[in-house]
């Protein structure tokens, strides 16, 4: 269980919106980096598609970040590594059995 000193009050700013939060002290950096990412993507879409409105930019940004996350999840699929390890273990077991 975390005690109160492990928590930190921070304020994040997204465009003209302010979001006060209490986060784990160890997670502050992650929240600050997420804030930067969101604002960069928001500003990118606002520049690319003028006059669409903040709600549309937030939607575009959310989709962008979600797609990136899903790509990363797909790239870090452990199944190929697991399969390779199982194959190597089987080969090792065969070599050991022959001795």
PDB file of N, CA and C in Angstrom:
ATOM      1  N   UNK A   1       0.839  -1.191   0.000  1.00  0.00           N
ATOM      2  CA  UNK A   1       0.000   0.000   0.000  1.00  0.00           C
ATOM      3  C   UNK A   1       0.878   1.247   0.000  1.00  0.00           C
ATOM      4  N   UNK A   2       0.545   2.194  -0.821  1.00  0.00           N
ATOM      5  CA  UNK A   2       1.323   3.415  -0.882  1.00  0.00           C
ATOM      6  C   UNK A   2       0.864   4.369   0.206  1.00  0.00           C
ATOM      7  N   UNK A   3       1.838   5.056   0.813  1.00  0.00           N
ATOM      8  CA  UNK A   3       1.439   6.058   1.790  1.00  0.00           C
ATOM      9  C   UNK A   3       1.320   7.403   1.094  1.00  0.00           C
ATOM     10  N   UNK A   4       0.870   8.394   1.869  1.00  0.00           N
ATOM     11  CA  UNK A   4       0.584   9.700   1.283  1.00  0.00           C
ATOM     12  C   UNK A   4       1.814  10.344   0.642  1.00  0.00           C
ATOM     13  N   UNK A   5       3.007  10.099   1.187  1.00  0.00           N
ATOM     14  CA  UNK A   5       4.215  10.724   0.634  1.00  0.00           C
ATOM     15  C   UNK A   5       4.593  10.126  -0.720  1.00  0.00           C
ATOM     16  N   UNK A   6       4.012   8.964  -1.062  1.00  0.00           N
ATOM     17  CA  UNK A   6       4.264   8.356  -2.366  1.00  0.00           C
ATOM     18  C   UNK A   6       3.396   8.982  -3.451  1.00  0.00           C
ATOM     19  N   UNK A   7       2.497   9.860  -3.070  1.00  0.00           N
ATOM     20  CA  UNK A   7       1.586  10.514  -4.009  1.00  0.00           C
ATOM     21  C   UNK A   7       2.039  11.944  -4.256  1.00  0.00           C
ATOM     22  N   UNK A   8       1.686  12.460  -5.408  1.00  0.00           N
ATOM     23  CA  UNK A   8       2.077  13.811  -5.788  1.00  0.00           C
ATOM     24  C   UNK A   8       0.908  14.464  -6.514  1.00  0.00           C
ATOM     25  N   UNK A   9       0.606  15.698  -6.159  1.00  0.00           N
ATOM     26  CA  UNK A   9      -0.412  16.479  -6.863  1.00  0.00           C
ATOM     27  C   UNK A   9       0.246  17.181  -8.037  1.00  0.00           C
ATOM     28  N   UNK A  10      -0.284  16.963  -9.217  1.00  0.00           N
ATOM     29  CA  UNK A  10       0.243  17.619 -10.410  1.00  0.00           C
ATOM     30  C   UNK A  10      -0.914  18.245 -11.176  1.00  0.00           C
ATOM     31  N   UNK A  11      -0.576  19.169 -12.040  1.00  0.00           N
ATOM     32  CA  UNK A  11      -1.563  19.799 -12.909  1.00  0.00           C
ATOM     33  C   UNK A  11      -1.094  19.622 -14.342  1.00  0.00           C
ATOM     34  N   UNK A  12      -1.933  19.024 -15.148  1.00  0.00           N
ATOM     35  CA  UNK A  12      -1.635  18.828 -16.557  1.00  0.00           C
ATOM     36  C   UNK A  12      -2.476  19.808 -17.359  1.00  0.00           C
ATOM     37  N   UNK A  13      -1.904  20.284 -18.450  1.00  0.00           N
ATOM     38  CA  UNK A  13      -2.626  21.236 -19.293  1.00  0.00           C
ATOM     39  C   UNK A  13      -2.719  20.675 -20.694  1.00  0.00           C
ATOM     40  N   UNK A  14      -3.941  20.611 -21.201  1.00  0.00           N
ATOM     41  CA  UNK A  14      -4.218  20.135 -22.559  1.00  0.00           C
ATOM     42  C   UNK A  14      -4.954  21.255 -23.282  1.00  0.00           C
ATOM     43  N   UNK A  15      -4.233  21.946 -24.158  1.00  0.00           N
ATOM     44  CA  UNK A  15      -4.843  23.102 -24.807  1.00  0.00           C
ATOM     45  C   UNK A  15      -5.212  24.126 -23.757  1.00  0.00           C
ATOM     46  N   UNK A  16      -6.472  24.492 -23.695  1.00  0.00           N
ATOM     47  CA  UNK A  16      -6.917  25.445 -22.678  1.00  0.00           C
ATOM     48  C   UNK A  16      -7.593  24.757 -21.497  1.00  0.00           C
ATOM     49  N   UNK A  17      -7.454  23.444 -21.413  1.00  0.00           N
ATOM     50  CA  UNK A  17      -8.066  22.669 -20.328  1.00  0.00           C
ATOM     51  C   UNK A  17      -7.016  22.298 -19.293  1.00  0.00           C
ATOM     52  N   UNK A  18      -7.387  22.366 -18.034  1.00  0.00           N
ATOM     53  CA  UNK A  18      -6.514  22.047 -16.917  1.00  0.00           C
ATOM     54  C   UNK A  18      -7.043  20.779 -16.245  1.00  0.00           C
ATOM     55  N   UNK A  19      -6.133  19.863 -15.944  1.00  0.00           N
ATOM     56  CA  UNK A  19      -6.515  18.615 -15.306  1.00  0.00           C
ATOM     57  C   UNK A  19      -5.644  18.385 -14.071  1.00  0.00           C
ATOM     58  N   UNK A  20      -6.180  18.711 -12.875  1.00  0.00           N
ATOM     59  CA  UNK A  20      -5.425  18.419 -11.657  1.00  0.00           C
ATOM     60  C   UNK A  20      -5.531  16.926 -11.346  1.00  0.00           C
ATOM     61  N   UNK A  21      -4.415  16.340 -10.910  1.00  0.00           N
ATOM     62  CA  UNK A  21      -4.394  14.904 -10.631  1.00  0.00           C
ATOM     63  C   UNK A  21      -3.513  14.621  -9.428  1.00  0.00           C
ATOM     64  N   UNK A  22      -3.767  13.504  -8.794  1.00  0.00           N
ATOM     65  CA  UNK A  22      -2.882  12.961  -7.776  1.00  0.00           C
ATOM     66  C   UNK A  22      -2.368  11.646  -8.336  1.00  0.00           C
ATOM     67  N   UNK A  23      -1.044  11.543  -8.467  1.00  0.00           N
ATOM     68  CA  UNK A  23      -0.435  10.372  -9.091  1.00  0.00           C
ATOM     69  C   UNK A  23       0.658   9.827  -8.179  1.00  0.00           C
ATOM     70  N   UNK A  24       1.044   8.601  -8.433  1.00  0.00           N
ATOM     71  CA  UNK A  24       2.184   8.039  -7.724  1.00  0.00           C
ATOM     72  C   UNK A  24       3.412   8.858  -8.094  1.00  0.00           C
ATOM     73  N   UNK A  25       4.207   9.190  -7.108  1.00  0.00           N
ATOM     74  CA  UNK A  25       5.402  10.006  -7.329  1.00  0.00           C
ATOM     75  C   UNK A  25       6.287   9.418  -8.424  1.00  0.00           C
ATOM     76  N   UNK A  26       6.405   8.100  -8.445  1.00  0.00           N
ATOM     77  CA  UNK A  26       7.238   7.427  -9.450  1.00  0.00           C
ATOM     78  C   UNK A  26       6.671   7.545 -10.862  1.00  0.00           C
ATOM     79  N   UNK A  27       5.387   7.867 -10.984  1.00  0.00           N
ATOM     80  CA  UNK A  27       4.737   7.957 -12.292  1.00  0.00           C
ATOM     81  C   UNK A  27       4.669   9.373 -12.849  1.00  0.00           C
ATOM     82  N   UNK A  28       5.156  10.362 -12.108  1.00  0.00           N
ATOM     83  CA  UNK A  28       5.040  11.747 -12.561  1.00  0.00           C
ATOM     84  C   UNK A  28       5.645  11.929 -13.949  1.00  0.00           C
ATOM     85  N   UNK A  29       6.832  11.396 -14.173  1.00  0.00           N
ATOM     86  CA  UNK A  29       7.501  11.549 -15.465  1.00  0.00           C
ATOM     87  C   UNK A  29       6.633  11.013 -16.601  1.00  0.00           C
ATOM     88  N   UNK A  30       6.017   9.861 -16.381  1.00  0.00           N
ATOM     89  CA  UNK A  30       5.171   9.251 -17.412  1.00  0.00           C
ATOM     90  C   UNK A  30       3.985  10.153 -17.735  1.00  0.00           C
ATOM     91  N   UNK A  31       3.369  10.720 -16.703  1.00  0.00           N
ATOM     92  CA  UNK A  31       2.231  11.615 -16.927  1.00  0.00           C
ATOM     93  C   UNK A  31       2.667  12.877 -17.673  1.00  0.00           C
ATOM     94  N   UNK A  32       3.829  13.410 -17.315  1.00  0.00           N
ATOM     95  CA  UNK A  32       4.321  14.616 -17.994  1.00  0.00           C
ATOM     96  C   UNK A  32       4.638  14.331 -19.461  1.00  0.00           C
ATOM     97  N   UNK A  33       5.230  13.174 -19.717  1.00  0.00           N
ATOM     98  CA  UNK A  33       5.531  12.798 -21.099  1.00  0.00           C
ATOM     99  C   UNK A  33       4.243  12.541 -21.885  1.00  0.00           C
ATOM    100  N   UNK A  34       3.251  11.938 -21.250  1.00  0.00           N
ATOM    101  CA  UNK A  34       1.955  11.716 -21.905  1.00  0.00           C
ATOM    102  C   UNK A  34       1.302  13.053 -22.246  1.00  0.00           C
ATOM    103  N   UNK A  35       1.395  14.002 -21.330  1.00  0.00           N
ATOM    104  CA  UNK A  35       0.858  15.342 -21.577  1.00  0.00           C
ATOM    105  C   UNK A  35       1.522  15.953 -22.821  1.00  0.00           C
ATOM    106  N   UNK A  36       2.849  15.843 -22.915  1.00  0.00           N
ATOM    107  CA  UNK A  36       3.568  16.377 -24.078  1.00  0.00           C
ATOM    108  C   UNK A  36       3.125  15.680 -25.363  1.00  0.00           C
ATOM    109  N   UNK A  37       3.004  14.364 -25.317  1.00  0.00           N
ATOM    110  CA  UNK A  37       2.582  13.604 -26.500  1.00  0.00           C
ATOM    111  C   UNK A  37       1.195  14.038 -26.957  1.00  0.00           C
ATOM    112  N   UNK A  38       0.276  14.120 -26.030  1.00  0.00           N
ATOM    113  CA  UNK A  38      -1.088  14.523 -26.372  1.00  0.00           C
ATOM    114  C   UNK A  38      -1.101  15.913 -26.996  1.00  0.00           C
ATOM    115  N   UNK A  39      -0.398  16.841 -26.386  1.00  0.00           N
ATOM    116  CA  UNK A  39      -0.380  18.212 -26.921  1.00  0.00           C
ATOM    117  C   UNK A  39       0.301  18.293 -28.282  1.00  0.00           C
ATOM    118  N   UNK A  40       1.382  17.527 -28.484  1.00  0.00           N
ATOM    119  CA  UNK A  40       2.039  17.525 -29.801  1.00  0.00           C
ATOM    120  C   UNK A  40       1.097  16.989 -30.870  1.00  0.00           C
ATOM    121  N   UNK A  41       0.438  15.868 -30.590  1.00  0.00           N
ATOM    122  CA  UNK A  41      -0.462  15.280 -31.592  1.00  0.00           C
ATOM    123  C   UNK A  41      -1.666  16.188 -31.828  1.00  0.00           C
ATOM    124  N   UNK A  42      -2.213  16.773 -30.778  1.00  0.00           N
ATOM    125  CA  UNK A  42      -3.327  17.703 -30.897  1.00  0.00           C
ATOM    126  C   UNK A  42      -2.920  18.865 -31.807  1.00  0.00           C
ATOM    127  N   UNK A  43      -1.764  19.459 -31.539  1.00  0.00           N
ATOM    128  CA  UNK A  43      -1.294  20.602 -32.334  1.00  0.00           C
ATOM    129  C   UNK A  43      -1.027  20.199 -33.782  1.00  0.00           C
ATOM    130  N   UNK A  44      -0.524  18.993 -33.987  1.00  0.00           N
ATOM    131  CA  UNK A  44      -0.296  18.501 -35.344  1.00  0.00           C
ATOM    132  C   UNK A  44      -1.615  18.458 -36.119  1.00  0.00           C
ATOM    133  N   UNK A  45      -2.635  17.849 -35.511  1.00  0.00           N
ATOM    134  CA  UNK A  45      -3.916  17.739 -36.211  1.00  0.00           C
ATOM    135  C   UNK A  45      -4.590  19.102 -36.385  1.00  0.00           C
ATOM    136  N   UNK A  46      -4.426  19.979 -35.421  1.00  0.00           N
ATOM    137  CA  UNK A  46      -4.994  21.329 -35.553  1.00  0.00           C
ATOM    138  C   UNK A  46      -4.343  22.070 -36.716  1.00  0.00           C
ATOM    139  N   UNK A  47      -3.043  21.849 -36.919  1.00  0.00           N
ATOM    140  CA  UNK A  47      -2.344  22.510 -38.029  1.00  0.00           C
ATOM    141  C   UNK A  47      -2.700  21.870 -39.375  1.00  0.00           C
ATOM    142  N   UNK A  48      -2.875  20.558 -39.393  1.00  0.00           N
ATOM    143  CA  UNK A  48      -3.164  19.844 -40.636  1.00  0.00           C
ATOM    144  C   UNK A  48      -4.610  20.029 -41.101  1.00  0.00           C
ATOM    145  N   UNK A  49      -5.526  20.150 -40.149  1.00  0.00           N
ATOM    146  CA  UNK A  49      -6.956  20.240 -40.478  1.00  0.00           C
ATOM    147  C   UNK A  49      -7.566  21.442 -39.764  1.00  0.00           C
ATOM    148  N   UNK A  50      -7.308  22.641 -40.266  1.00  0.00           N
ATOM    149  CA  UNK A  50      -7.825  23.838 -39.596  1.00  0.00           C
ATOM    150  C   UNK A  50      -9.353  23.870 -39.547  1.00  0.00           C
ATOM    151  N   UNK A  51      -9.837  24.548 -38.544  1.00  0.00           N
ATOM    152  CA  UNK A  51     -11.275  24.817 -38.380  1.00  0.00           C
ATOM    153  C   UNK A  51     -12.121  23.563 -38.157  1.00  0.00           C
ATOM    154  N   UNK A  52     -11.543  22.522 -37.572  1.00  0.00           N
ATOM    155  CA  UNK A  52     -12.315  21.306 -37.300  1.00  0.00           C
ATOM    156  C   UNK A  52     -12.880  21.283 -35.883  1.00  0.00           C
ATOM    157  N   UNK A  53     -12.337  22.073 -34.997  1.00  0.00           N
ATOM    158  CA  UNK A  53     -12.827  22.151 -33.630  1.00  0.00           C
ATOM    159  C   UNK A  53     -12.032  21.241 -32.694  1.00  0.00           C
ATOM    160  N   UNK A  54     -11.946  21.667 -31.445  1.00  0.00           N
ATOM    161  CA  UNK A  54     -11.148  20.942 -30.454  1.00  0.00           C
ATOM    162  C   UNK A  54     -11.606  19.504 -30.246  1.00  0.00           C
ATOM    163  N   UNK A  55     -12.915  19.275 -30.280  1.00  0.00           N
ATOM    164  CA  UNK A  55     -13.407  17.902 -30.097  1.00  0.00           C
ATOM    165  C   UNK A  55     -12.887  16.979 -31.193  1.00  0.00           C
ATOM    166  N   UNK A  56     -12.871  17.457 -32.428  1.00  0.00           N
ATOM    167  CA  UNK A  56     -12.382  16.641 -33.536  1.00  0.00           C
ATOM    168  C   UNK A  56     -10.877  16.404 -33.405  1.00  0.00           C
ATOM    169  N   UNK A  57     -10.131  17.421 -32.993  1.00  0.00           N
ATOM    170  CA  UNK A  57      -8.686  17.250 -32.809  1.00  0.00           C
ATOM    171  C   UNK A  57      -8.403  16.249 -31.691  1.00  0.00           C
ATOM    172  N   UNK A  58      -9.188  16.313 -30.614  1.00  0.00           N
ATOM    173  CA  UNK A  58      -9.005  15.355 -29.524  1.00  0.00           C
ATOM    174  C   UNK A  58      -9.326  13.944 -30.002  1.00  0.00           C
ATOM    175  N   UNK A  59     -10.351  13.806 -30.817  1.00  0.00           N
ATOM    176  CA  UNK A  59     -10.706  12.494 -31.359  1.00  0.00           C
ATOM    177  C   UNK A  59      -9.598  11.965 -32.261  1.00  0.00           C
ATOM    178  N   UNK A  60      -9.082  12.821 -33.144  1.00  0.00           N
ATOM    179  CA  UNK A  60      -7.989  12.415 -34.029  1.00  0.00           C
ATOM    180  C   UNK A  60      -6.762  12.004 -33.213  1.00  0.00           C
ATOM    181  N   UNK A  61      -6.447  12.796 -32.201  1.00  0.00           N
ATOM    182  CA  UNK A  61      -5.299  12.515 -31.356  1.00  0.00           C
ATOM    183  C   UNK A  61      -5.487  11.201 -30.611  1.00  0.00           C
ATOM    184  N   UNK A  62      -6.669  10.967 -30.070  1.00  0.00           N
ATOM    185  CA  UNK A  62      -6.933   9.729 -29.340  1.00  0.00           C
ATOM    186  C   UNK A  62      -6.804   8.519 -30.259  1.00  0.00           C
ATOM    187  N   UNK A  63      -7.329   8.623 -31.455  1.00  0.00           N
ATOM    188  CA  UNK A  63      -7.203   7.535 -32.418  1.00  0.00           C
ATOM    189  C   UNK A  63      -5.736   7.299 -32.778  1.00  0.00           C
ATOM    190  N   UNK A  64      -5.002   8.374 -33.007  1.00  0.00           N
ATOM    191  CA  UNK A  64      -3.571   8.282 -33.331  1.00  0.00           C
ATOM    192  C   UNK A  64      -2.829   7.520 -32.237  1.00  0.00           C
ATOM    193  N   UNK A  65      -3.021   7.909 -30.984  1.00  0.00           N
ATOM    194  CA  UNK A  65      -2.323   7.283 -29.865  1.00  0.00           C
ATOM    195  C   UNK A  65      -2.767   5.826 -29.703  1.00  0.00           C
ATOM    196  N   UNK A  66      -4.055   5.556 -29.871  1.00  0.00           N
ATOM    197  CA  UNK A  66      -4.560   4.185 -29.744  1.00  0.00           C
ATOM    198  C   UNK A  66      -3.975   3.281 -30.833  1.00  0.00           C
ATOM    199  N   UNK A  67      -3.883   3.776 -32.053  1.00  0.00           N
ATOM    200  CA  UNK A  67      -3.305   2.989 -33.153  1.00  0.00           C
ATOM    201  C   UNK A  67      -1.834   2.702 -32.873  1.00  0.00           C
ATOM    202  N   UNK A  68      -1.111   3.697 -32.386  1.00  0.00           N
ATOM    203  CA  UNK A  68       0.305   3.488 -32.036  1.00  0.00           C
ATOM    204  C   UNK A  68       0.445   2.429 -30.949  1.00  0.00           C
ATOM    205  N   UNK A  69      -0.418   2.484 -29.955  1.00  0.00           N
ATOM    206  CA  UNK A  69      -0.388   1.503 -28.869  1.00  0.00           C
ATOM    207  C   UNK A  69      -0.655   0.098 -29.400  1.00  0.00           C
ATOM    208  N   UNK A  70      -1.663  -0.044 -30.241  1.00  0.00           N
ATOM    209  CA  UNK A  70      -1.997  -1.361 -30.797  1.00  0.00           C
ATOM    210  C   UNK A  70      -0.859  -1.892 -31.667  1.00  0.00           C
ATOM    211  N   UNK A  71      -0.194  -1.011 -32.417  1.00  0.00           N
ATOM    212  CA  UNK A  71       0.963  -1.442 -33.219  1.00  0.00           C
ATOM    213  C   UNK A  71       2.078  -1.950 -32.314  1.00  0.00           C
ATOM    214  N   UNK A  72       2.329  -1.224 -31.243  1.00  0.00           N
ATOM    215  CA  UNK A  72       3.380  -1.640 -30.308  1.00  0.00           C
ATOM    216  C   UNK A  72       3.030  -2.981 -29.666  1.00  0.00           C
ATOM    217  N   UNK A  73       1.771  -3.158 -29.313  1.00  0.00           N
ATOM    218  CA  UNK A  73       1.348  -4.429 -28.734  1.00  0.00           C
ATOM    219  C   UNK A  73       1.561  -5.566 -29.725  1.00  0.00           C
ATOM    220  N   UNK A  74       1.246  -5.339 -30.983  1.00  0.00           N
ATOM    221  CA  UNK A  74       1.416  -6.371 -32.005  1.00  0.00           C
ATOM    222  C   UNK A  74       2.891  -6.684 -32.222  1.00  0.00           C
ATOM    223  N   UNK A  75       3.728  -5.658 -32.174  1.00  0.00           N
ATOM    224  CA  UNK A  75       5.165  -5.852 -32.378  1.00  0.00           C
ATOM    225  C   UNK A  75       5.827  -6.566 -31.213  1.00  0.00           C
ATOM    226  N   UNK A  76       5.233  -6.486 -30.056  1.00  0.00           N
ATOM    227  CA  UNK A  76       5.832  -7.108 -28.877  1.00  0.00           C
ATOM    228  C   UNK A  76       5.112  -8.403 -28.496  1.00  0.00           C
ATOM    229  N   UNK A  77       4.482  -9.023 -29.459  1.00  0.00           N
ATOM    230  CA  UNK A  77       3.803 -10.290 -29.226  1.00  0.00           C
ATOM    231  C   UNK A  77       4.840 -11.335 -28.816  1.00  0.00           C
ATOM    232  N   UNK A  78       4.690 -11.941 -27.636  1.00  0.00           N
ATOM    233  CA  UNK A  78       5.681 -12.906 -27.154  1.00  0.00           C
ATOM    234  C   UNK A  78       5.582 -14.280 -27.821  1.00  0.00           C
ATOM    235  N   UNK A  79       4.539 -14.553 -28.571  1.00  0.00           N
ATOM    236  CA  UNK A  79       4.335 -15.886 -29.158  1.00  0.00           C
ATOM    237  C   UNK A  79       5.518 -16.358 -30.004  1.00  0.00           C
ATOM    238  N   UNK A  80       6.075 -15.551 -30.911  1.00  0.00           N
ATOM    239  CA  UNK A  80       7.213 -16.039 -31.701  1.00  0.00           C
ATOM    240  C   UNK A  80       8.418 -16.412 -30.834  1.00  0.00           C
ATOM    241  N   UNK A  81       8.676 -15.628 -29.810  1.00  0.00           N
ATOM    242  CA  UNK A  81       9.799 -15.930 -28.914  1.00  0.00           C
ATOM    243  C   UNK A  81       9.516 -17.211 -28.139  1.00  0.00           C
ATOM    244  N   UNK A  82       8.289 -17.342 -27.660  1.00  0.00           N
ATOM    245  CA  UNK A  82       7.910 -18.555 -26.938  1.00  0.00           C
ATOM    246  C   UNK A  82       8.064 -19.787 -27.824  1.00  0.00           C
ATOM    247  N   UNK A  83       7.620 -19.680 -29.062  1.00  0.00           N
ATOM    248  CA  UNK A  83       7.729 -20.811 -29.993  1.00  0.00           C
ATOM    249  C   UNK A  83       9.189 -21.182 -30.233  1.00  0.00           C
ATOM    250  N   UNK A  84      10.035 -20.170 -30.415  1.00  0.00           N
ATOM    251  CA  UNK A  84      11.456 -20.433 -30.642  1.00  0.00           C
ATOM    252  C   UNK A  84      12.083 -21.081 -29.413  1.00  0.00           C
ATOM    253  N   UNK A  85      11.727 -20.595 -28.235  1.00  0.00           N
ATOM    254  CA  UNK A  85      12.263 -21.190 -27.010  1.00  0.00           C
ATOM    255  C   UNK A  85      11.799 -22.632 -26.832  1.00  0.00           C
ATOM    256  N   UNK A  86      10.545 -22.911 -27.113  1.00  0.00           N
ATOM    257  CA  UNK A  86      10.029 -24.287 -27.012  1.00  0.00           C
ATOM    258  C   UNK A  86      10.785 -25.213 -27.954  1.00  0.00           C
ATOM    259  N   UNK A  87      11.051 -24.726 -29.150  1.00  0.00           N
ATOM    260  CA  UNK A  87      11.789 -25.523 -30.126  1.00  0.00           C
ATOM    261  C   UNK A  87      13.203 -25.798 -29.637  1.00  0.00           C
ATOM    262  N   UNK A  88      13.869 -24.779 -29.107  1.00  0.00           N
ATOM    263  CA  UNK A  88      15.229 -24.964 -28.607  1.00  0.00           C
ATOM    264  C   UNK A  88      15.256 -25.905 -27.404  1.00  0.00           C
ATOM    265  N   UNK A  89      14.279 -25.795 -26.535  1.00  0.00           N
ATOM    266  CA  UNK A  89      14.199 -26.684 -25.370  1.00  0.00           C
ATOM    267  C   UNK A  89      14.006 -28.121 -25.826  1.00  0.00           C
ATOM    268  N   UNK A  90      13.156 -28.321 -26.819  1.00  0.00           N
ATOM    269  CA  UNK A  90      12.927 -29.669 -27.341  1.00  0.00           C
ATOM    270  C   UNK A  90      14.215 -30.243 -27.920  1.00  0.00           C
ATOM    271  N   UNK A  91      14.960 -29.430 -28.663  1.00  0.00           N
ATOM    272  CA  UNK A  91      16.232 -29.880 -29.223  1.00  0.00           C
ATOM    273  C   UNK A  91      17.230 -30.224 -28.118  1.00  0.00           C
ATOM    274  N   UNK A  92      17.294 -29.403 -27.091  1.00  0.00           N
ATOM    275  CA  UNK A  92      18.192 -29.667 -25.971  1.00  0.00           C
ATOM    276  C   UNK A  92      17.813 -30.968 -25.259  1.00  0.00           C
ATOM    277  N   UNK A  93      16.523 -31.167 -25.089  1.00  0.00           N
ATOM    278  CA  UNK A  93      16.061 -32.399 -24.418  1.00  0.00           C
ATOM    279  C   UNK A  93      16.442 -33.627 -25.236  1.00  0.00           C
ATOM    280  N   UNK A  94      16.371 -33.522 -26.556  1.00  0.00           N
ATOM    281  CA  UNK A  94      16.753 -34.641 -27.422  1.00  0.00           C
ATOM    282  C   UNK A  94      18.246 -34.919 -27.296  1.00  0.00           C
ATOM    283  N   UNK A  95      19.047 -33.869 -27.244  1.00  0.00           N
ATOM    284  CA  UNK A  95      20.503 -34.052 -27.105  1.00  0.00           C
ATOM    285  C   UNK A  95      20.815 -34.690 -25.746  1.00  0.00           C
ATOM    286  N   UNK A  96      20.144 -34.243 -24.706  1.00  0.00           N
ATOM    287  CA  UNK A  96      20.378 -34.779 -23.359  1.00  0.00           C
ATOM    288  C   UNK A  96      19.976 -36.261 -23.299  1.00  0.00           C
ATOM    289  N   UNK A  97      18.853 -36.605 -23.930  1.00  0.00           N
ATOM    290  CA  UNK A  97      18.360 -37.991 -23.918  1.00  0.00           C
ATOM    291  C   UNK A  97      19.324 -38.930 -24.648  1.00  0.00           C
ATOM    292  N   UNK A  98      20.033 -38.443 -25.656  1.00  0.00           N
ATOM    293  CA  UNK A  98      20.960 -39.273 -26.435  1.00  0.00           C
ATOM    294  C   UNK A  98      22.220 -39.600 -25.634  1.00  0.00           C
ATOM    295  N   UNK A  99      22.524 -38.843 -24.608  1.00  0.00           N
ATOM    296  CA  UNK A  99      23.753 -39.069 -23.832  1.00  0.00           C
ATOM    297  C   UNK A  99      23.568 -40.148 -22.831  1.00  0.00           C
TER     298      UNK A  99
END
